[in-house]
C-alpha atoms as a PDB file:
ATOM      1  CA  MET A   1     109.701 166.598  43.570  1.00  0.00           C
ATOM      2  CA  PRO A   2     107.450 167.396  40.608  1.00  0.00           C
ATOM      3  CA  ASP A   3     109.027 166.783  37.255  1.00  0.00           C
ATOM      4  CA  LYS A   4     108.740 168.709  34.007  1.00  0.00           C
ATOM      5  CA  VAL A   5     105.786 166.568  32.929  1.00  0.00           C
ATOM      6  CA  ASP A   6     103.756 167.917  35.871  1.00  0.00           C
ATOM      7  CA  TYR A   7     104.639 171.497  34.983  1.00  0.00           C
ATOM      8  CA  GLY A   8     103.984 170.872  31.301  1.00  0.00           C
ATOM      9  CA  ALA A   9     100.514 169.473  31.989  1.00  0.00           C
ATOM     10  CA  LEU A  10      99.725 172.443  34.207  1.00  0.00           C
ATOM     11  CA  ARG A  11     100.913 174.897  31.558  1.00  0.00           C
ATOM     12  CA  GLN A  12      98.781 173.086  28.966  1.00  0.00           C
ATOM     13  CA  LYS A  13      95.676 173.509  31.150  1.00  0.00           C
ATOM     14  CA  ILE A  14      96.429 177.198  31.607  1.00  0.00           C
ATOM     15  CA  PHE A  15      96.831 177.525  27.835  1.00  0.00           C
ATOM     16  CA  GLU A  16      93.525 175.699  27.235  1.00  0.00           C
ATOM     17  CA  ASN A  17      91.803 177.989  29.723  1.00  0.00           C
ATOM     18  CA  THR A  18      93.156 181.031  27.874  1.00  0.00           C
ATOM     19  CA  VAL A  19      92.026 179.646  24.502  1.00  0.00           C
ATOM     20  CA  LEU A  20      88.563 178.980  25.896  1.00  0.00           C
ATOM     21  CA  LEU A  21      88.279 182.519  27.229  1.00  0.00           C
ATOM     22  CA  ARG A  22      89.296 183.932  23.839  1.00  0.00           C
ATOM     23  CA  ARG A  23      86.658 181.777  22.118  1.00  0.00           C
ATOM     24  CA  MET A  24      84.029 183.021  24.551  1.00  0.00           C
ATOM     25  CA  ASN A  25      84.841 186.584  23.580  1.00  0.00           C
ATOM     26  CA  ARG A  26      83.945 185.717  19.956  1.00  0.00           C
ATOM     27  CA  ILE A  27      80.642 184.011  20.789  1.00  0.00           C
ATOM     28  CA  SER A  28      77.387 185.847  20.292  1.00  0.00           C
ATOM     29  CA  TYR A  29      76.202 184.524  23.664  1.00  0.00           C
ATOM     30  CA  THR A  30      73.257 182.361  22.693  1.00  0.00           C
ATOM     31  CA  ASN A  31      73.108 178.945  24.382  1.00  0.00           C
ATOM     32  CA  ALA A  32      76.933 178.356  24.376  1.00  0.00           C
ATOM     33  CA  VAL A  33      77.840 180.319  27.491  1.00  0.00           C
ATOM     34  CA  PRO A  34      76.759 177.805  30.184  1.00  0.00           C
ATOM     35  CA  GLN A  35      78.856 174.932  28.719  1.00  0.00           C
ATOM     36  CA  ALA A  36      81.882 177.204  28.275  1.00  0.00           C
ATOM     37  CA  LEU A  37      81.593 178.393  31.865  1.00  0.00           C
ATOM     38  CA  VAL A  38      81.466 174.794  33.116  1.00  0.00           C
ATOM     39  CA  MET A  39      84.647 174.019  31.156  1.00  0.00           C
ATOM     40  CA  ILE A  40      86.390 177.155  32.466  1.00  0.00           C
ATOM     41  CA  ASN A  41      85.418 176.195  35.997  1.00  0.00           C
ATOM     42  CA  GLU A  42      86.791 172.653  35.569  1.00  0.00           C
ATOM     43  CA  LEU A  43      90.056 173.915  34.070  1.00  0.00           C
ATOM     44  CA  SER A  44      90.448 176.465  36.851  1.00  0.00           C
ATOM     45  CA  ARG A  45      89.950 173.769  39.507  1.00  0.00           C
ATOM     46  CA  ASP A  46      92.506 171.538  37.764  1.00  0.00           C
ATOM     47  CA  ILE A  47      95.011 174.405  37.611  1.00  0.00           C
ATOM     48  CA  VAL A  48      94.574 175.239  41.299  1.00  0.00           C
ATOM     49  CA  ALA A  49      94.830 171.548  42.265  1.00  0.00           C
ATOM     50  CA  GLY A  50      98.004 171.270  40.161  1.00  0.00           C
ATOM     51  CA  TYR A  51      99.591 174.227  41.915  1.00  0.00           C
ATOM     52  CA  GLU A  52      98.588 172.819  45.301  1.00  0.00           C
ATOM     53  CA  ASP A  53     100.220 169.470  44.447  1.00  0.00           C
ATOM     54  CA  ILE A  54     103.411 171.263  43.414  1.00  0.00           C
ATOM     55  CA  TRP A  55     103.346 173.324  46.618  1.00  0.00           C
ATOM     56  CA  VAL A  56     102.896 170.258  48.843  1.00  0.00           C
ATOM     57  CA  SER A  57     105.710 168.472  47.023  1.00  0.00           C
ATOM     58  CA  LEU A  58     108.068 171.444  47.382  1.00  0.00           C
ATOM     59  CA  VAL A  59     107.249 171.824  51.089  1.00  0.00           C
ATOM     60  CA  GLY A  60     108.191 168.165  51.552  1.00  0.00           C
ATOM     61  CA  VAL A  61     111.531 168.690  49.796  1.00  0.00           C
ATOM     62  CA  ILE A  62     112.256 171.789  51.897  1.00  0.00           C
ATOM     63  CA  LYS A  63     111.468 169.913  55.135  1.00  0.00           C
ATOM     64  CA  LYS A  64     113.904 167.142  54.174  1.00  0.00           C
ATOM     65  CA  GLN A  65     116.611 169.676  53.322  1.00  0.00           C
ATOM     66  CA  ASP A  66     116.012 171.601  56.571  1.00  0.00           C
ATOM     67  CA  SER A  67     116.363 168.384  58.541  1.00  0.00           C
ATOM     68  CA  LEU A  68     119.652 167.588  56.816  1.00  0.00           C
ATOM     69  CA  LEU A  69     120.927 171.134  57.376  1.00  0.00           C
ATOM     70  CA  GLU A  70     120.143 170.840  61.094  1.00  0.00           C
ATOM     71  CA  HIS A  71     122.438 167.802  61.216  1.00  0.00           C
ATOM     72  CA  TYR A  72     125.229 169.691  59.453  1.00  0.00           C
ATOM     73  CA  TYR A  73     124.777 172.654  61.783  1.00  0.00           C
ATOM     74  CA  TYR A  74     124.960 170.388  64.831  1.00  0.00           C
ATOM     75  CA  ALA A  75     128.094 168.663  63.478  1.00  0.00           C
ATOM     76  CA  PHE A  76     129.889 171.946  62.720  1.00  0.00           C
ATOM     77  CA  ASN A  77     128.975 173.403  66.123  1.00  0.00           C
ATOM     78  CA  SER A  78     130.187 170.290  67.931  1.00  0.00           C
ATOM     79  CA  TYR A  79     133.378 170.107  65.875  1.00  0.00           C
ATOM     80  CA  ALA A  80     134.120 173.803  66.457  1.00  0.00           C
ATOM     81  CA  ARG A  81     133.721 173.428  70.239  1.00  0.00           C
ATOM     82  CA  LEU A  82     135.814 170.268  70.278  1.00  0.00           C
ATOM     83  CA  ASN A  83     138.637 171.994  68.366  1.00  0.00           C
ATOM     84  CA  ARG A  84     138.331 175.353  70.141  1.00  0.00           C
ATOM     85  CA  ALA A  85     137.479 177.125  66.920  1.00  0.00           C
ATOM     86  CA  ASN A  86     134.910 179.862  66.422  1.00  0.00           C
ATOM     87  CA  GLY A  87     134.012 178.597  62.987  1.00  0.00           C
ATOM     88  CA  TYR A  88     135.185 177.306  59.633  1.00  0.00           C
ATOM     89  CA  ILE A  89     135.402 178.431  56.053  1.00  0.00           C
ATOM     90  CA  LEU A  90     132.681 176.689  54.034  1.00  0.00           C
ATOM     91  CA  ASP A  91     133.188 177.934  50.487  1.00  0.00           C
ATOM     92  CA  ALA A  92     136.209 179.905  49.306  1.00  0.00           C
ATOM     93  CA  ARG A  93     135.804 179.537  45.536  1.00  0.00           C
ATOM     94  CA  ASP A  94     134.843 183.199  45.089  1.00  0.00           C
ATOM     95  CA  THR A  95     137.359 185.339  46.983  1.00  0.00           C
ATOM     96  CA  ASP A  96     134.913 188.252  46.957  1.00  0.00           C
ATOM     97  CA  ASN A  97     132.184 186.127  48.527  1.00  0.00           C
ATOM     98  CA  ILE A  98     133.807 183.633  50.918  1.00  0.00           C
ATOM     99  CA  VAL A  99     131.129 181.909  52.993  1.00  0.00           C
ATOM    100  CA  ALA A 100     131.890 180.918  56.577  1.00  0.00           C
ATOM    101  CA  PHE A 101     130.255 179.056  59.425  1.00  0.00           C
ATOM    102  CA  VAL A 102     130.474 180.765  62.814  1.00  0.00           C
ATOM    103  CA  GLU A 103     129.664 178.745  65.919  1.00  0.00           C
ATOM    104  CA  GLY A 104     126.149 179.383  67.242  1.00  0.00           C
ATOM    105  CA  ILE A 105     127.291 180.737  70.607  1.00  0.00           C
ATOM    106  CA  TYR A 106     128.605 183.894  68.918  1.00  0.00           C
ATOM    107  CA  THR A 107     126.650 186.309  66.717  1.00  0.00           C
ATOM    108  CA  PRO A 108     129.122 188.059  64.427  1.00  0.00           C
ATOM    109  CA  LYS A 109     128.845 191.779  63.809  1.00  0.00           C
ATOM    110  CA  GLU A 110     129.904 193.646  60.688  1.00  0.00           C
ATOM    111  CA  GLY A 111     133.639 194.297  60.802  1.00  0.00           C
ATOM    112  CA  ASP A 112     134.529 191.759  63.486  1.00  0.00           C
ATOM    113  CA  LEU A 113     138.035 190.461  62.818  1.00  0.00           C
ATOM    114  CA  ALA A 114     139.209 186.855  62.780  1.00  0.00           C
ATOM    115  CA  LEU A 115     142.367 184.920  62.101  1.00  0.00           C
ATOM    116  CA  ILE A 116     142.354 182.006  59.665  1.00  0.00           C
ATOM    117  CA  TYR A 117     144.432 178.888  60.336  1.00  0.00           C
ATOM    118  CA  ARG A 118     144.889 175.545  58.648  1.00  0.00           C
ATOM    119  CA  ASP A 119     145.985 173.230  61.442  1.00  0.00           C
ATOM    120  CA  GLU A 120     148.726 175.375  63.038  1.00  0.00           C
ATOM    121  CA  LEU A 121     149.567 177.267  59.817  1.00  0.00           C
ATOM    122  CA  TYR A 122     148.542 180.937  59.793  1.00  0.00           C
ATOM    123  CA  ILE A 123     146.720 181.810  56.562  1.00  0.00           C
ATOM    124  CA  GLY A 124     145.532 185.374  57.109  1.00  0.00           C
ATOM    125  CA  LYS A 125     143.181 187.845  58.722  1.00  0.00           C
ATOM    126  CA  VAL A 126     139.578 188.476  57.655  1.00  0.00           C
ATOM    127  CA  SER A 127     136.663 190.665  58.631  1.00  0.00           C
ATOM    128  CA  LEU A 128     133.183 189.215  59.054  1.00  0.00           C
ATOM    129  CA  ILE A 129     130.104 190.466  57.248  1.00  0.00           C
ATOM    130  CA  PRO A 130     126.764 188.985  58.358  1.00  0.00           C
ATOM    131  CA  LYS A 131     124.609 188.859  55.227  1.00  0.00           C
ATOM    132  CA  ASP A 132     121.070 187.456  55.211  1.00  0.00           C
ATOM    133  CA  ASP A 133     121.370 183.928  56.600  1.00  0.00           C
ATOM    134  CA  ARG A 134     125.146 183.561  56.231  1.00  0.00           C
ATOM    135  CA  VAL A 135     128.467 185.053  57.157  1.00  0.00           C
ATOM    136  CA  ILE A 136     130.760 186.368  54.444  1.00  0.00           C
ATOM    137  CA  VAL A 137     134.440 187.003  55.133  1.00  0.00           C
ATOM    138  CA  ARG A 138     136.485 189.732  53.490  1.00  0.00           C
ATOM    139  CA  ILE A 139     140.218 189.156  53.278  1.00  0.00           C
ATOM    140  CA  GLU A 140     142.159 191.810  55.190  1.00  0.00           C
ATOM    141  CA  GLU A 141     145.587 190.182  54.895  1.00  0.00           C
ATOM    142  CA  LEU A 142     146.856 186.948  53.426  1.00  0.00           C
ATOM    143  CA  GLU A 143     150.222 185.281  53.910  1.00  0.00           C
ATOM    144  CA  GLU A 144     152.280 185.061  50.746  1.00  0.00           C
ATOM    145  CA  ASP A 145     151.590 181.967  48.610  1.00  0.00           C
ATOM    146  CA  ARG A 146     148.593 180.948  50.755  1.00  0.00           C
ATOM    147  CA  LYS A 147     144.927 180.987  50.016  1.00  0.00           C
ATOM    148  CA  ILE A 148     141.833 180.387  52.083  1.00  0.00           C
ATOM    149  CA  GLN A 149     140.325 176.923  51.664  1.00  0.00           C
ATOM    150  CA  PRO A 150     137.230 175.101  52.897  1.00  0.00           C
ATOM    151  CA  LEU A 151     137.454 173.953  56.517  1.00  0.00           C
ATOM    152  CA  ASP A 152     140.170 176.451  57.426  1.00  0.00           C
ATOM    153  CA  LYS A 153     139.668 177.343  61.091  1.00  0.00           C
ATOM    154  CA  ILE A 154     138.272 180.740  62.128  1.00  0.00           C
ATOM    155  CA  LEU A 155     139.497 182.267  65.409  1.00  0.00           C
ATOM    156  CA  LEU A 156     137.660 185.459  66.325  1.00  0.00           C
ATOM    157  CA  LEU A 157     139.564 188.434  67.690  1.00  0.00           C
ATOM    158  CA  LEU A 158     137.142 189.443  70.430  1.00  0.00           C
ATOM    159  CA  LYS A 159     137.276 192.969  71.789  1.00  0.00           C
END
């Protein structure tokens, strides 16, 4: 992944290009224009090449992350089927924005209800909210002195 030095060098070239354009505006346009235009052209090519290098580097990082996410998705799907679960809680740190994984065989709809268990211990009832590329759960009821935690099991209440 590009580091700050790459970005700094690119910013410096953009700055130099801007300075050169300002200087050109102050020139009386006798004999200096061709050389200035050559320099602007070179700086512009360097800037574009710099952005292209950053883009290629970022695409590579995204491909690696996508590949890793596919493995996680496969593991969670397999584990859910093996344990007869419909999904699992992924991140429960923010109780207003609890993120869940729902097994790929089922597409949750807004308001679908599910029960949350930890092993055989009932934790509570939630409603599902599909949001962008994830599923958020809203707590509908929670057993006293219990809270939702990562990897708690989701069992959908199908209608």
